[in-house]
Amino acid sequence: MSKVKIISDSTCDLSEELLIQYDIAVLPHPIVRDGELLQDNVSITPDDIYAHYERTGRLCTTSAPNVYDYEQFWRPWLDEGYEIVHFTISSEMSTAYNQAVLAAEETGHVYPVDSRSLSTGIGLLVLEACDLRDQGFAAEEIAARVREDSAKCQASFLVDVIEYLWKGGRCSSVAAIGANLLKLKPRIDVQNGKMLSTKKYRGKTAKCFAAYADDLLKGKDNIRQNRIFITHSGIDEDIIQLVQDKIRQWQPGVEHIYVTRAGGTISCHCGPGTLGILYMYE
């Protein structure tokens, strides 16, 4: 039986505890701050990114690992005889997957997976791959199975600070001004690998997040009960607790509710105060 290593780009936003528990390796995405190339959650954190914007008015920008980065990161496991399943953020959002494919053609024994998602939408697939690895499946079969399951991932976020999306080119200035004036919070869903604004909530923060949680969880009888993620970019604990309570109210059979903090790549685009509920459908 071949040895299998599960690896993801840092955009999976899994906590350090989960990375250790499931023996997952993570390749940091590059983040650029005023021309300086840094590494996501290694040499720059989300709070560093926010502080830079508050101080200068300039956003940090994100990039993708290149072919050399992938080859060098994989090499220690390949040299030990592992086959690798490697996860990237959606190919609709980044060139990371294409770079990983080119690198895998050079190294062999690596199966890149286009998650068609972001953040712990990727993380859900990564943990599913770990479950399959622990059941004894080979790398190629694991990759094939999780690719099929990527369409069953519900990944969405409610955004509190619209200016990061605006200045990052993810929404128009007119939409941003309108959202701020009307105190609207846009919901962003990942559909077919792309980010789309699907709904807007209006009112106080707690009310908006409660309504968002109801929409995602109430009356849904086809949510997988093994795990649900609450992933945020820095938000009040009261909001996290509210969403946890909503999960327990509407999905009382869920085995694990994981709360994770989004890394720098995701935080660059959504800013502070964003929170998402992510899970898999049956």
Foldseek 3Di string as FASTA:
>chain_A
DFAEAEEEEQQQQDDPVVCVVLVYHYQFWWKADPNDTDTWPPRDWLVNQVVSCVVPVDGIATAADALVSLLVVCVVVVVVRYQYEYEYAAVVVHCRQVRNVVNCVVSPSYHYARLLHTHNLRVQLSVQLSVVVVVPDHNVVSRVVSNVQSQQKWKKKWFQQCVLQDVVVNDDPVVNVVCVVQVKIWMWTRDSSDTDGDDIDGDDPLVRLLVVLCVVFAPDPFFDQAEKEKEFQAADVVSVVSSVVSCCVRPVRRDYYYYGYRIDNVCSRRPHPMIIIMTGGD
